[in-house]
N, C-alpha and C. Protein backbone atom coordinates (compact mmCIF):
# COMPACT_ATOMS: atom_id res chain seq x y z
N PHE A 1 104.66 92.97 -44.15
CA PHE A 1 106.00 92.96 -44.78
C PHE A 1 106.28 90.71 -45.07
N GLN A 2 106.71 90.56 -46.31
CA GLN A 2 106.78 89.59 -46.59
C GLN A 2 108.65 89.91 -47.06
N LEU A 3 109.06 88.74 -46.73
CA LEU A 3 109.83 88.33 -47.52
C LEU A 3 110.49 86.88 -48.53
N LEU A 4 111.03 87.67 -50.29
CA LEU A 4 110.42 87.54 -50.82
C LEU A 4 112.24 86.67 -51.84
N SER A 5 112.31 85.39 -52.27
CA SER A 5 113.27 85.10 -53.21
C SER A 5 113.47 86.34 -53.74
N SER A 6 115.29 86.34 -54.57
CA SER A 6 115.14 86.74 -55.30
C SER A 6 115.30 86.98 -56.92
N GLU A 7 114.15 85.48 -56.86
CA GLU A 7 113.54 85.42 -58.30
C GLU A 7 112.51 85.68 -58.44
N ARG A 8 111.65 85.98 -56.79
CA ARG A 8 110.31 86.85 -57.26
C ARG A 8 110.58 87.88 -56.84
N GLN A 9 111.62 88.66 -56.49
CA GLN A 9 112.35 90.38 -56.58
C GLN A 9 112.68 89.87 -57.92
N MET A 10 113.30 89.49 -58.48
CA MET A 10 113.73 90.10 -60.24
C MET A 10 112.57 90.11 -61.15
N CYS A 11 110.96 89.10 -60.47
CA CYS A 11 109.49 88.88 -61.62
C CYS A 11 108.85 89.90 -61.07
N SER A 12 109.45 90.16 -60.24
CA SER A 12 108.01 91.15 -59.34
C SER A 12 108.98 93.37 -59.89
N LEU A 13 110.47 93.14 -60.14
CA LEU A 13 110.28 94.72 -60.14
C LEU A 13 110.13 94.19 -61.92
N PHE A 14 110.72 93.07 -62.77
CA PHE A 14 110.22 93.06 -64.19
C PHE A 14 109.21 93.27 -64.71
N LYS A 15 107.82 92.47 -64.10
CA LYS A 15 106.78 93.05 -64.34
C LYS A 15 106.58 94.60 -63.62
N ARG A 16 106.83 95.37 -63.03
CA ARG A 16 106.72 97.01 -62.59
C ARG A 16 107.25 98.04 -64.11
N ALA A 17 108.76 97.28 -64.01
CA ALA A 17 109.38 97.50 -65.15
C ALA A 17 108.71 97.64 -66.60
N VAL A 18 108.24 97.00 -66.75
CA VAL A 18 107.25 96.59 -67.97
C VAL A 18 106.07 97.40 -67.98
N ARG A 19 105.61 97.90 -66.78
CA ARG A 19 104.37 98.78 -66.26
C ARG A 19 104.65 99.97 -66.46
N HIS A 20 105.66 100.42 -66.03
CA HIS A 20 105.98 101.32 -66.80
C HIS A 20 106.74 102.29 -67.47
N LEU A 21 107.26 101.06 -68.86
CA LEU A 21 106.92 101.21 -70.54
C LEU A 21 106.32 101.64 -71.12
N GLU A 22 104.81 100.35 -69.77
CA GLU A 22 103.41 101.02 -71.08
C GLU A 22 102.85 102.22 -70.70
N ALA A 23 103.37 102.99 -69.17
CA ALA A 23 103.04 104.33 -68.85
C ALA A 23 103.24 104.60 -69.72
N TYR A 24 104.71 105.25 -70.08
CA TYR A 24 105.27 105.96 -71.52
C TYR A 24 105.18 105.47 -73.18
N ASN A 25 104.68 104.69 -73.74
CA ASN A 25 104.93 104.42 -74.78
C ASN A 25 103.00 104.04 -74.89
N ASP A 26 102.70 105.02 -75.58
CA ASP A 26 101.17 104.89 -76.34
C ASP A 26 101.33 103.80 -77.46
N ASP A 27 102.76 103.42 -78.69
CA ASP A 27 102.36 103.10 -80.00
C ASP A 27 102.55 101.68 -78.92
N ARG A 28 102.01 100.55 -79.86
CA ARG A 28 102.67 99.37 -78.78
C ARG A 28 104.08 98.35 -80.03
N ILE A 29 104.59 99.17 -80.52
CA ILE A 29 105.46 98.52 -81.39
C ILE A 29 106.75 99.39 -80.82
N PRO A 30 106.80 100.96 -80.86
CA PRO A 30 107.96 100.67 -79.72
C PRO A 30 107.86 100.06 -78.26
N TYR A 31 107.16 100.30 -77.75
CA TYR A 31 106.39 99.73 -76.97
C TYR A 31 106.90 98.12 -76.44
N ARG A 32 106.45 97.40 -76.91
CA ARG A 32 107.67 96.17 -77.63
C ARG A 32 108.50 96.34 -77.50
N TYR A 33 109.38 97.00 -78.47
CA TYR A 33 110.45 97.22 -78.62
C TYR A 33 111.55 97.08 -77.34
N GLU A 34 111.13 98.06 -76.03
CA GLU A 34 111.13 98.63 -74.88
C GLU A 34 111.56 97.56 -74.59
N VAL A 35 110.23 96.66 -74.51
CA VAL A 35 110.63 95.57 -73.68
C VAL A 35 111.61 94.89 -73.51
N THR A 36 111.70 94.16 -75.00
CA THR A 36 112.41 93.33 -75.94
C THR A 36 114.01 93.76 -74.95
N LEU A 37 114.67 95.40 -75.58
CA LEU A 37 116.13 95.44 -74.33
C LEU A 37 115.49 95.14 -73.33
N LEU A 38 114.67 95.71 -71.99
CA LEU A 38 114.51 95.49 -71.06
C LEU A 38 114.45 94.24 -70.76
N ARG A 39 114.09 93.29 -71.43
CA ARG A 39 114.37 91.62 -70.90
C ARG A 39 115.95 91.27 -70.99
N ALA A 40 116.22 91.82 -72.78
CA ALA A 40 117.83 91.85 -72.47
C ALA A 40 118.04 91.31 -71.16
N LYS A 41 118.32 93.22 -70.69
CA LYS A 41 119.32 92.75 -69.59
C LYS A 41 118.41 92.24 -68.05
N PHE A 42 117.38 92.34 -68.15
CA PHE A 42 117.44 91.05 -66.79
C PHE A 42 118.19 89.95 -67.23
N ASP A 43 118.05 89.47 -68.12
CA ASP A 43 118.71 88.38 -68.87
C ASP A 43 119.81 88.13 -68.13
N GLU A 44 120.45 89.65 -68.37
CA GLU A 44 121.78 89.19 -68.11
C GLU A 44 122.16 89.70 -66.53
N ILE A 45 121.41 90.23 -66.03
CA ILE A 45 121.37 90.20 -64.55
C ILE A 45 120.84 88.69 -63.90
N LYS A 46 120.41 87.71 -64.23
CA LYS A 46 120.42 86.69 -64.05
C LYS A 46 120.88 85.57 -64.82
N ALA A 47 121.48 85.91 -65.52
CA ALA A 47 123.00 85.63 -65.84
C ALA A 47 124.03 85.48 -64.68
N CYS A 48 124.55 86.51 -64.18
CA CYS A 48 125.47 86.60 -63.29
C CYS A 48 124.96 86.10 -61.11
N LYS A 49 123.65 85.71 -61.82
CA LYS A 49 123.20 85.07 -60.05
C LYS A 49 123.81 84.35 -59.91
N ASP A 50 123.99 83.49 -60.29
CA ASP A 50 124.93 81.83 -60.36
C ASP A 50 126.04 82.40 -60.21
N LYS A 51 126.72 83.51 -60.47
CA LYS A 51 128.36 83.94 -61.18
C LYS A 51 129.09 84.02 -59.65
N ASP A 52 127.60 85.30 -59.23
CA ASP A 52 128.25 86.41 -58.96
C ASP A 52 127.06 87.11 -57.92
N PRO A 53 126.91 86.58 -56.62
CA PRO A 53 125.33 86.58 -56.38
C PRO A 53 125.78 88.39 -55.76
N GLU A 54 126.40 88.80 -55.14
CA GLU A 54 126.64 89.65 -55.50
C GLU A 54 126.77 91.58 -55.75
N LEU A 55 127.27 90.18 -57.28
CA LEU A 55 126.85 91.41 -58.17
C LEU A 55 125.20 91.57 -58.62
N PHE A 56 124.86 90.06 -58.94
CA PHE A 56 123.57 89.86 -58.77
C PHE A 56 122.12 90.51 -58.19
N ASN A 57 122.91 91.12 -56.71
CA ASN A 57 121.86 92.12 -56.01
C ASN A 57 122.34 93.65 -55.92
N GLN A 58 123.74 93.64 -56.26
CA GLN A 58 123.83 94.99 -56.68
C GLN A 58 123.04 95.55 -58.33
N MET A 59 122.91 95.27 -58.91
CA MET A 59 121.82 94.87 -59.97
C MET A 59 121.14 95.25 -59.45
N LEU A 60 120.23 93.95 -59.15
CA LEU A 60 119.46 94.22 -59.20
C LEU A 60 118.91 95.59 -58.36
N LYS A 61 119.11 96.29 -57.07
CA LYS A 61 119.08 97.35 -56.59
C LYS A 61 119.49 98.39 -57.52
N ASP A 62 120.51 98.37 -58.15
CA ASP A 62 120.49 99.34 -59.59
C ASP A 62 119.52 99.70 -60.07
N GLN A 63 118.72 99.03 -61.07
CA GLN A 63 117.29 98.65 -61.66
C GLN A 63 116.24 99.28 -60.56
N GLU A 64 116.15 98.36 -59.43
CA GLU A 64 114.66 99.73 -58.36
C GLU A 64 115.40 100.83 -58.14
N GLU A 65 116.09 101.09 -58.57
CA GLU A 65 116.19 102.72 -58.12
C GLU A 65 116.64 103.79 -59.52
N GLU A 66 116.51 102.41 -60.60
CA GLU A 66 116.23 103.64 -62.08
C GLU A 66 114.71 103.52 -62.00
N LEU A 67 113.85 102.49 -61.48
CA LEU A 67 112.95 102.32 -61.78
C LEU A 67 112.06 103.32 -61.70
N PHE A 68 112.88 103.91 -60.09
CA PHE A 68 111.91 104.46 -58.56
C PHE A 68 112.27 106.23 -59.54
N LYS A 69 113.40 106.60 -59.93
CA LYS A 69 114.06 107.69 -60.33
C LYS A 69 112.81 107.94 -61.85
N ASN A 70 112.84 107.51 -62.57
CA ASN A 70 111.97 106.94 -63.71
C ASN A 70 111.06 107.15 -63.48
N GLN A 71 110.02 107.02 -62.70
CA GLN A 71 109.40 106.41 -62.87
C GLN A 71 108.16 107.43 -63.89
N HIS A 72 107.22 107.06 -63.95
CA HIS A 72 106.16 107.74 -64.57
C HIS A 72 104.80 109.03 -63.44
N ARG A 73 105.10 110.31 -63.58
CA ARG A 73 104.53 111.07 -62.78
C ARG A 73 102.87 110.64 -62.66
N GLN A 74 101.86 110.50 -63.64
CA GLN A 74 100.76 109.76 -63.46
C GLN A 74 100.91 108.26 -64.78
N PRO A 75 100.73 107.36 -63.13
CA PRO A 75 101.08 106.37 -63.75
C PRO A 75 99.95 105.09 -64.40
N LYS A 76 100.10 104.13 -65.38
CA LYS A 76 98.36 103.76 -65.33
C LYS A 76 98.09 103.27 -64.53
N LYS A 77 96.79 102.94 -64.46
CA LYS A 77 95.86 102.07 -62.99
C LYS A 77 94.70 101.03 -63.85
N TRP A 78 94.65 99.96 -63.03
CA TRP A 78 93.08 99.42 -63.90
C TRP A 78 92.17 99.88 -63.30
N PRO A 79 90.77 99.97 -63.62
CA PRO A 79 89.75 101.19 -63.40
C PRO A 79 89.12 100.37 -61.97
N LYS A 80 89.49 99.41 -61.30
CA LYS A 80 88.82 98.61 -60.77
C LYS A 80 90.22 98.33 -59.21
N THR A 81 91.19 98.94 -59.92
CA THR A 81 92.12 98.82 -58.50
C THR A 81 92.21 100.13 -58.09
N ILE A 82 92.35 100.16 -56.33
CA ILE A 82 93.21 101.14 -55.29
C ILE A 82 93.28 102.26 -56.24
N GLY A 83 92.53 102.89 -56.68
CA GLY A 83 93.59 104.42 -56.95
C GLY A 83 92.63 104.80 -58.47
N GLY A 84 92.02 103.26 -58.99
CA GLY A 84 91.26 103.51 -59.77
C GLY A 84 90.35 104.48 -60.05
N ILE A 85 89.83 104.41 -61.48
CA ILE A 85 88.50 105.29 -61.57
C ILE A 85 86.84 104.97 -61.19
N ALA A 86 87.34 103.02 -61.11
CA ALA A 86 85.85 102.76 -60.37
C ALA A 86 85.99 102.05 -59.58
N TYR A 87 86.66 101.99 -58.42
CA TYR A 87 87.58 101.49 -57.33
C TYR A 87 86.53 101.83 -56.90
N GLY A 88 85.52 100.70 -55.64
CA GLY A 88 84.43 101.24 -55.09
C GLY A 88 83.13 101.14 -55.84
N ARG A 89 83.13 101.62 -56.48
CA ARG A 89 81.63 101.69 -57.59
C ARG A 89 80.56 100.67 -57.30
N VAL A 90 80.49 99.48 -57.11
CA VAL A 90 79.32 98.62 -56.76
C VAL A 90 78.88 98.69 -56.21
N ALA A 91 77.11 98.51 -56.47
CA ALA A 91 77.34 98.65 -55.56
C ALA A 91 75.91 97.79 -54.78
N VAL A 92 75.90 97.58 -53.34
CA VAL A 92 75.90 96.00 -53.27
C VAL A 92 74.44 96.28 -52.36
N ILE A 93 73.64 95.01 -52.95
CA ILE A 93 72.60 95.48 -52.58
C ILE A 93 72.06 93.48 -51.97
N SER A 94 71.18 93.88 -50.66
CA SER A 94 71.25 93.42 -49.32
C SER A 94 69.88 92.28 -50.30
N ASP A 95 69.42 91.42 -49.50
CA ASP A 95 68.64 89.97 -49.90
C ASP A 95 67.22 91.16 -49.16
N TRP A 96 67.26 91.67 -48.65
CA TRP A 96 66.38 91.94 -47.94
C TRP A 96 65.37 92.66 -48.71
N VAL A 97 66.19 93.44 -49.88
CA VAL A 97 65.27 93.93 -50.42
C VAL A 97 64.19 93.61 -52.01
N LEU A 98 64.76 92.25 -51.94
CA LEU A 98 64.04 91.07 -52.96
C LEU A 98 62.23 90.93 -51.87
N ASP A 99 62.70 91.50 -51.12
CA ASP A 99 60.91 91.18 -50.09
C ASP A 99 60.44 91.95 -50.66
N TYR A 100 60.86 93.11 -50.51
CA TYR A 100 59.66 93.95 -50.72
C TYR A 100 59.16 94.16 -52.12
N TRP A 101 59.63 93.16 -53.45
CA TRP A 101 58.59 93.04 -54.59
C TRP A 101 57.18 92.81 -54.09
N HIS A 102 56.99 93.41 -56.11
CA HIS A 102 55.93 92.85 -55.91
C HIS A 102 55.60 91.49 -56.16
N PRO A 103 54.31 90.95 -56.42
CA PRO A 103 53.95 89.14 -56.13
C PRO A 103 54.59 89.63 -57.92
N LEU A 104 54.18 90.34 -59.03
CA LEU A 104 54.63 90.44 -60.67
C LEU A 104 55.55 90.77 -60.65
N GLU A 105 56.49 91.47 -59.79
CA GLU A 105 57.84 91.78 -60.14
C GLU A 105 58.60 90.32 -60.06
N LYS A 106 57.95 89.72 -58.67
CA LYS A 106 58.30 87.98 -58.66
C LYS A 106 58.32 86.75 -59.31
N ASP A 107 57.35 87.37 -60.59
CA ASP A 107 56.75 86.25 -61.18
C ASP A 107 57.88 86.72 -62.78
N THR A 108 58.65 87.46 -63.16
CA THR A 108 59.48 87.76 -63.50
C THR A 108 60.58 87.25 -63.74
N ILE A 109 61.91 87.02 -62.67
CA ILE A 109 62.65 85.52 -62.34
C ILE A 109 61.64 84.55 -61.83
N PRO A 110 61.37 83.67 -62.04
CA PRO A 110 60.92 82.69 -61.47
C PRO A 110 62.01 81.71 -60.79
N LYS A 111 62.79 81.58 -60.86
CA LYS A 111 64.49 80.82 -61.30
C LYS A 111 65.16 81.15 -59.62
N ILE A 112 64.59 82.91 -59.14
CA ILE A 112 65.20 82.88 -57.96
C ILE A 112 64.09 82.80 -57.42
N PHE A 113 62.66 83.43 -57.47
CA PHE A 113 61.39 82.95 -56.18
C PHE A 113 61.04 81.79 -56.95
N CYS A 114 60.86 80.78 -56.55
CA CYS A 114 60.57 79.04 -56.55
C CYS A 114 59.67 79.67 -55.34
N TYR A 115 58.05 79.28 -55.73
CA TYR A 115 57.24 78.93 -54.47
C TYR A 115 56.18 78.59 -55.00
């Protein structure tokens, strides 16, 4: 658990909302239009931060709830992140495997096997 400043909370919420819009829009032009509208909404929230902190926190909370209500049922995930299709597919080969190579195989990579 980590305490975040209000700026970091707002930035994190904005990034999650943009990824949410990306999951719903396949075409780039409507997606960018929606992001522009979202940015205007977040600028409005940011403007009331210094004037009325309670309203700022309430608006931030409302945006969190709206994002949760409208979340995509199958959000986009990057392939190598947790939950992605390529997560954990990297094979880790130990160095001891190279000890069993034939000398002719070792000669193909002289930079690694300097003898």
